C-alpha atoms as a PDB file:
ATOM      1  CA  MET A   1     115.429 143.143 115.793  1.00  0.00           C
ATOM      2  CA  SER A   2     113.612 142.963 112.480  1.00  0.00           C
ATOM      3  CA  ASP A   3     110.467 140.852 112.068  1.00  0.00           C
ATOM      4  CA  ASP A   4     110.359 139.986 108.359  1.00  0.00           C
ATOM      5  CA  MET A   5     107.416 137.543 108.403  1.00  0.00           C
ATOM      6  CA  TYR A   6     105.452 139.423 105.754  1.00  0.00           C
ATOM      7  CA  GLU A   7     108.291 139.933 103.264  1.00  0.00           C
ATOM      8  CA  HIS A   8     106.410 138.186 100.437  1.00  0.00           C
ATOM      9  CA  LEU A   9     103.037 139.802 101.160  1.00  0.00           C
ATOM     10  CA  VAL A  10     103.444 143.343  99.811  1.00  0.00           C
ATOM     11  CA  TYR A  11     101.201 145.030  97.255  1.00  0.00           C
ATOM     12  CA  ASP A  12     100.812 147.872  94.784  1.00  0.00           C
ATOM     13  CA  GLY A  13     104.437 147.916  93.658  1.00  0.00           C
ATOM     14  CA  PHE A  14     105.837 148.276  97.158  1.00  0.00           C
ATOM     15  CA  GLU A  15     109.033 146.346  97.736  1.00  0.00           C
ATOM     16  CA  PHE A  16     110.021 144.664 100.947  1.00  0.00           C
ATOM     17  CA  THR A  17     113.252 146.159 102.285  1.00  0.00           C
ATOM     18  CA  THR A  18     115.369 144.840 105.130  1.00  0.00           C
ATOM     19  CA  ILE A  19     116.984 147.021 107.765  1.00  0.00           C
ATOM     20  CA  ALA A  20     120.403 146.045 106.391  1.00  0.00           C
ATOM     21  CA  GLN A  21     119.372 147.291 102.940  1.00  0.00           C
ATOM     22  CA  VAL A  22     118.211 150.608 104.365  1.00  0.00           C
ATOM     23  CA  GLU A  23     121.327 151.073 106.498  1.00  0.00           C
ATOM     24  CA  PRO A  24     124.144 148.586 105.803  1.00  0.00           C
ATOM     25  CA  LYS A  25     126.015 149.771 108.925  1.00  0.00           C
ATOM     26  CA  LEU A  26     123.290 148.135 111.037  1.00  0.00           C
ATOM     27  CA  LYS A  27     123.779 144.668 109.530  1.00  0.00           C
ATOM     28  CA  ASP A  28     126.186 143.550 112.264  1.00  0.00           C
ATOM     29  CA  ARG A  29     123.756 144.729 114.967  1.00  0.00           C
ATOM     30  CA  THR A  30     120.513 143.382 113.527  1.00  0.00           C
ATOM     31  CA  LEU A  31     118.721 140.181 114.437  1.00  0.00           C
ATOM     32  CA  THR A  32     116.384 139.207 111.605  1.00  0.00           C
ATOM     33  CA  CYS A  33     113.494 136.883 112.426  1.00  0.00           C
ATOM     34  CA  ASN A  34     111.390 135.128 109.825  1.00  0.00           C
ATOM     35  CA  GLY A  35     109.355 131.995 109.362  1.00  0.00           C
ATOM     36  CA  VAL A  36     107.054 130.024 107.123  1.00  0.00           C
ATOM     37  CA  SER A  37     103.745 130.849 108.841  1.00  0.00           C
ATOM     38  CA  LYS A  38     102.584 133.777 106.738  1.00  0.00           C
ATOM     39  CA  SER A  39     104.138 133.575 103.260  1.00  0.00           C
ATOM     40  CA  TYR A  40     103.995 129.796 102.977  1.00  0.00           C
ATOM     41  CA  ALA A  41     100.574 129.334 104.631  1.00  0.00           C
ATOM     42  CA  MET A  42     102.027 127.200 107.414  1.00  0.00           C
ATOM     43  CA  THR A  43     100.422 129.066 110.306  1.00  0.00           C
ATOM     44  CA  GLY A  44     100.336 126.943 113.429  1.00  0.00           C
ATOM     45  CA  TRP A  45     103.424 124.936 112.483  1.00  0.00           C
ATOM     46  CA  ARG A  46     105.432 127.221 114.802  1.00  0.00           C
ATOM     47  CA  LEU A  47     108.585 127.159 112.759  1.00  0.00           C
ATOM     48  CA  GLY A  48     110.816 130.164 112.349  1.00  0.00           C
ATOM     49  CA  TYR A  49     114.411 131.093 111.920  1.00  0.00           C
ATOM     50  CA  ALA A  50     116.774 133.913 112.736  1.00  0.00           C
ATOM     51  CA  ALA A  51     119.936 135.418 111.312  1.00  0.00           C
ATOM     52  CA  GLY A  52     122.225 137.875 112.987  1.00  0.00           C
ATOM     53  CA  PRO A  53     125.501 138.404 114.803  1.00  0.00           C
ATOM     54  CA  LYS A  54     127.231 135.122 115.689  1.00  0.00           C
ATOM     55  CA  ASP A  55     127.272 135.765 119.448  1.00  0.00           C
ATOM     56  CA  LEU A  56     123.536 136.416 119.484  1.00  0.00           C
ATOM     57  CA  ILE A  57     122.748 133.336 117.380  1.00  0.00           C
ATOM     58  CA  LYS A  58     124.944 131.278 119.717  1.00  0.00           C
ATOM     59  CA  ALA A  59     122.919 132.527 122.706  1.00  0.00           C
ATOM     60  CA  ILE A  60     119.651 131.738 120.896  1.00  0.00           C
ATOM     61  CA  ASN A  61     120.900 128.216 120.182  1.00  0.00           C
ATOM     62  CA  LYS A  62     121.673 127.719 123.881  1.00  0.00           C
ATOM     63  CA  VAL A  63     118.177 128.747 124.916  1.00  0.00           C
ATOM     64  CA  GLN A  64     116.574 126.668 122.164  1.00  0.00           C
ATOM     65  CA  SER A  65     118.585 123.570 123.050  1.00  0.00           C
ATOM     66  CA  GLN A  66     117.209 123.705 126.605  1.00  0.00           C
ATOM     67  CA  SER A  67     113.616 124.158 125.502  1.00  0.00           C
ATOM     68  CA  SER A  68     111.298 121.360 126.535  1.00  0.00           C
ATOM     69  CA  THR A  69     109.290 121.455 123.311  1.00  0.00           C
ATOM     70  CA  HIS A  70     110.468 121.414 119.744  1.00  0.00           C
ATOM     71  CA  THR A  71     108.951 121.627 116.310  1.00  0.00           C
ATOM     72  CA  SER A  72     108.346 118.207 114.787  1.00  0.00           C
ATOM     73  CA  SER A  73     110.838 116.846 112.283  1.00  0.00           C
ATOM     74  CA  ILE A  74     108.036 116.619 109.710  1.00  0.00           C
ATOM     75  CA  SER A  75     107.368 120.356 110.061  1.00  0.00           C
ATOM     76  CA  GLN A  76     111.071 121.080 109.741  1.00  0.00           C
ATOM     77  CA  ALA A  77     111.380 118.987 106.562  1.00  0.00           C
ATOM     78  CA  ALA A  78     108.276 120.606 105.040  1.00  0.00           C
ATOM     79  CA  SER A  79     109.638 124.066 105.832  1.00  0.00           C
ATOM     80  CA  ILE A  80     112.956 123.301 104.150  1.00  0.00           C
ATOM     81  CA  GLU A  81     111.065 122.206 101.040  1.00  0.00           C
ATOM     82  CA  ALA A  82     108.931 125.356 101.123  1.00  0.00           C
ATOM     83  CA  LEU A  83     111.954 127.631 101.441  1.00  0.00           C
ATOM     84  CA  SER A  84     114.160 125.840  98.907  1.00  0.00           C
ATOM     85  CA  GLY A  85     111.508 124.858  96.348  1.00  0.00           C
ATOM     86  CA  PRO A  86     109.991 126.953  93.552  1.00  0.00           C
ATOM     87  CA  GLN A  87     108.966 130.414  94.758  1.00  0.00           C
ATOM     88  CA  ASP A  88     106.828 131.562  91.820  1.00  0.00           C
ATOM     89  CA  PHE A  89     103.588 130.859  93.699  1.00  0.00           C
ATOM     90  CA  LEU A  90     104.408 133.606  96.226  1.00  0.00           C
ATOM     91  CA  ALA A  91     103.607 136.401  93.759  1.00  0.00           C
ATOM     92  CA  GLU A  92     100.394 134.634  92.702  1.00  0.00           C
ATOM     93  CA  ARG A  93      99.349 134.253  96.335  1.00  0.00           C
ATOM     94  CA  ALA A  94     100.124 137.894  97.048  1.00  0.00           C
ATOM     95  CA  GLU A  95      97.885 138.891  94.123  1.00  0.00           C
ATOM     96  CA  VAL A  96      95.010 136.838  95.572  1.00  0.00           C
ATOM     97  CA  PHE A  97      95.487 138.561  98.938  1.00  0.00           C
ATOM     98  CA  LYS A  98      95.624 141.967  97.236  1.00  0.00           C
ATOM     99  CA  LYS A  99      92.223 141.338  95.610  1.00  0.00           C
ATOM    100  CA  ARG A 100      90.790 140.238  98.946  1.00  0.00           C
ATOM    101  CA  ARG A 101      92.277 143.302 100.609  1.00  0.00           C
ATOM    102  CA  ASP A 102      90.662 145.569  98.028  1.00  0.00           C
ATOM    103  CA  LEU A 103      87.301 143.822  98.473  1.00  0.00           C
ATOM    104  CA  VAL A 104      87.404 144.243 102.267  1.00  0.00           C
ATOM    105  CA  VAL A 105      88.650 147.847 102.246  1.00  0.00           C
ATOM    106  CA  ALA A 106      85.924 148.922  99.804  1.00  0.00           C
ATOM    107  CA  ALA A 107      83.204 147.107 101.756  1.00  0.00           C
ATOM    108  CA  LEU A 108      84.291 148.472 105.141  1.00  0.00           C
ATOM    109  CA  ASN A 109      84.545 152.021 103.800  1.00  0.00           C
ATOM    110  CA  ASP A 110      80.896 151.624 102.803  1.00  0.00           C
ATOM    111  CA  CYS A 111      79.915 150.976 106.446  1.00  0.00           C
ATOM    112  CA  GLU A 112      78.460 153.847 108.453  1.00  0.00           C
ATOM    113  CA  GLY A 113      80.918 154.976 111.150  1.00  0.00           C
ATOM    114  CA  LEU A 114      83.920 153.046 109.803  1.00  0.00           C
ATOM    115  CA  SER A 115      86.920 154.146 107.781  1.00  0.00           C
ATOM    116  CA  CYS A 116      89.587 151.809 106.486  1.00  0.00           C
ATOM    117  CA  LYS A 117      92.935 152.700 104.965  1.00  0.00           C
ATOM    118  CA  THR A 118      94.513 150.389 102.411  1.00  0.00           C
ATOM    119  CA  PRO A 119      97.436 148.424 103.883  1.00  0.00           C
ATOM    120  CA  GLU A 120     100.590 147.929 101.809  1.00  0.00           C
ATOM    121  CA  GLY A 121     101.182 144.372 103.009  1.00  0.00           C
ATOM    122  CA  ALA A 122     100.188 141.459 105.274  1.00  0.00           C
ATOM    123  CA  PHE A 123      96.641 140.044 105.315  1.00  0.00           C
ATOM    124  CA  TYR A 124      94.893 142.230 107.875  1.00  0.00           C
ATOM    125  CA  VAL A 125      93.078 145.534 107.785  1.00  0.00           C
ATOM    126  CA  TYR A 126      92.713 147.897 110.730  1.00  0.00           C
ATOM    127  CA  PRO A 127      89.539 149.928 110.180  1.00  0.00           C
ATOM    128  CA  SER A 128      88.770 152.803 112.510  1.00  0.00           C
ATOM    129  CA  CYS A 129      85.518 152.457 114.412  1.00  0.00           C
ATOM    130  CA  ALA A 130      85.759 156.007 115.801  1.00  0.00           C
ATOM    131  CA  GLY A 131      82.499 156.873 114.044  1.00  0.00           C
ATOM    132  CA  ALA A 132      80.701 154.146 116.008  1.00  0.00           C
ATOM    133  CA  ILE A 133      81.981 155.255 119.412  1.00  0.00           C
ATOM    134  CA  GLY A 134      79.228 156.956 121.389  1.00  0.00           C
ATOM    135  CA  LYS A 135      76.436 155.212 119.502  1.00  0.00           C
ATOM    136  CA  THR A 136      73.957 152.773 121.030  1.00  0.00           C
ATOM    137  CA  THR A 137      73.207 149.191 120.003  1.00  0.00           C
ATOM    138  CA  PRO A 138      69.611 148.061 119.298  1.00  0.00           C
ATOM    139  CA  ASP A 139      69.485 146.476 122.769  1.00  0.00           C
ATOM    140  CA  GLY A 140      70.520 149.731 124.452  1.00  0.00           C
ATOM    141  CA  LYS A 141      74.249 149.215 125.107  1.00  0.00           C
ATOM    142  CA  LYS A 142      76.478 152.209 124.474  1.00  0.00           C
ATOM    143  CA  ILE A 143      79.601 151.656 122.352  1.00  0.00           C
ATOM    144  CA  GLU A 144      82.344 153.387 124.343  1.00  0.00           C
ATOM    145  CA  THR A 145      85.487 151.598 123.123  1.00  0.00           C
ATOM    146  CA  ASP A 146      86.818 149.486 120.281  1.00  0.00           C
ATOM    147  CA  THR A 147      86.397 146.485 122.602  1.00  0.00           C
ATOM    148  CA  ASP A 148      82.700 147.317 122.947  1.00  0.00           C
ATOM    149  CA  PHE A 149      82.464 147.541 119.168  1.00  0.00           C
ATOM    150  CA  VAL A 150      84.048 144.134 118.431  1.00  0.00           C
ATOM    151  CA  THR A 151      81.942 142.563 121.191  1.00  0.00           C
ATOM    152  CA  TYR A 152      78.866 144.031 119.528  1.00  0.00           C
ATOM    153  CA  LEU A 153      79.933 142.637 116.117  1.00  0.00           C
ATOM    154  CA  LEU A 154      80.347 139.182 117.620  1.00  0.00           C
ATOM    155  CA  GLU A 155      77.090 139.200 119.578  1.00  0.00           C
ATOM    156  CA  ALA A 156      74.918 140.886 116.954  1.00  0.00           C
ATOM    157  CA  GLU A 157      76.254 139.373 113.745  1.00  0.00           C
ATOM    158  CA  GLY A 158      78.649 136.550 114.643  1.00  0.00           C
ATOM    159  CA  VAL A 159      81.663 138.357 113.184  1.00  0.00           C
ATOM    160  CA  ALA A 160      84.892 137.878 115.124  1.00  0.00           C
ATOM    161  CA  ALA A 161      87.380 140.743 115.103  1.00  0.00           C
ATOM    162  CA  VAL A 162      90.157 141.832 117.443  1.00  0.00           C
ATOM    163  CA  GLN A 163      90.043 145.191 119.161  1.00  0.00           C
ATOM    164  CA  GLY A 164      92.856 147.517 118.145  1.00  0.00           C
ATOM    165  CA  SER A 165      93.538 148.399 121.780  1.00  0.00           C
ATOM    166  CA  ALA A 166      95.061 144.904 122.140  1.00  0.00           C
ATOM    167  CA  PHE A 167      97.790 146.204 119.806  1.00  0.00           C
ATOM    168  CA  GLY A 168      97.873 149.757 121.167  1.00  0.00           C
ATOM    169  CA  LEU A 169      95.688 150.953 118.272  1.00  0.00           C
ATOM    170  CA  ALA A 170      92.399 152.178 119.743  1.00  0.00           C
ATOM    171  CA  PRO A 171      89.831 152.952 118.312  1.00  0.00           C
ATOM    172  CA  TYR A 172      90.605 150.496 115.524  1.00  0.00           C
ATOM    173  CA  PHE A 173      89.886 146.803 115.092  1.00  0.00           C
ATOM    174  CA  ARG A 174      91.625 144.069 113.135  1.00  0.00           C
ATOM    175  CA  ILE A 175      90.049 141.861 110.496  1.00  0.00           C
ATOM    176  CA  SER A 176      91.969 139.167 108.633  1.00  0.00           C
ATOM    177  CA  TYR A 177      91.291 138.656 104.945  1.00  0.00           C
ATOM    178  CA  ALA A 178      93.037 135.263 104.876  1.00  0.00           C
ATOM    179  CA  THR A 179      89.826 133.448 103.955  1.00  0.00           C
ATOM    180  CA  SER A 180      87.558 132.998 100.949  1.00  0.00           C
ATOM    181  CA  ASP A 181      86.018 135.862  98.999  1.00  0.00           C
ATOM    182  CA  SER A 182      82.545 134.559  99.841  1.00  0.00           C
ATOM    183  CA  ALA A 183      83.283 134.506 103.585  1.00  0.00           C
ATOM    184  CA  LEU A 184      84.695 138.039 103.384  1.00  0.00           C
ATOM    185  CA  THR A 185      81.701 139.317 101.422  1.00  0.00           C
ATOM    186  CA  GLU A 186      79.325 137.806 103.979  1.00  0.00           C
ATOM    187  CA  ALA A 187      81.312 139.138 106.959  1.00  0.00           C
ATOM    188  CA  CYS A 188      81.439 142.642 105.503  1.00  0.00           C
ATOM    189  CA  ALA A 189      77.684 142.559 104.810  1.00  0.00           C
ATOM    190  CA  ARG A 190      77.110 141.602 108.444  1.00  0.00           C
ATOM    191  CA  ILE A 191      79.415 144.388 109.661  1.00  0.00           C
ATOM    192  CA  LYS A 192      77.538 146.874 107.471  1.00  0.00           C
ATOM    193  CA  ARG A 193      74.214 145.682 108.903  1.00  0.00           C
ATOM    194  CA  ALA A 194      75.558 145.985 112.467  1.00  0.00           C
ATOM    195  CA  CYS A 195      76.838 149.507 111.830  1.00  0.00           C
ATOM    196  CA  ALA A 196      73.541 150.590 110.268  1.00  0.00           C
ATOM    197  CA  ALA A 197      71.670 149.371 113.364  1.00  0.00           C
ATOM    198  CA  LEU A 198      73.634 151.666 115.702  1.00  0.00           C
ATOM    199  CA  LYS A 199      71.870 154.860 116.792  1.00  0.00           C
END
């Protein structure tokens, strides 16, 4: 199975490559899943699609036909238009996300106890908070895990993040940069302030 949701959100000259392109012999054994949520900014519309071996697609159709909920016809029509209409905006959108990514990575790398690598795609960063583990918050709580750290960010500065352990990536945390530059600048300033307050 190949999840290709971020195919149009790659940066720095990297090219999206499918499993079938890497190894054509796998084409007949690969189920490719995609959707309009990420690249077309239709998150929450819950509309995706799959391509793969006929027998597997037939089985998927059987399950889907017995589902008690379905995506609205309006969402389906909008998705068809998004997929079949002009695609030139995708590169422009990716460039906007790249600039936001660079802003967030630089700001987080300027925070005491954090280190953030530059992702090649998507619209999330996963900074390490390993340098904050073992430190104490101003109100005396010890930061022992990435969950403790994101809880501290929320309580101390009102910044919502997701602990990396939820994705099997402790001691990291996830921040989305799918918002305005001003919101990102403010959030990163708050994170920096929270990190500086740890002892």
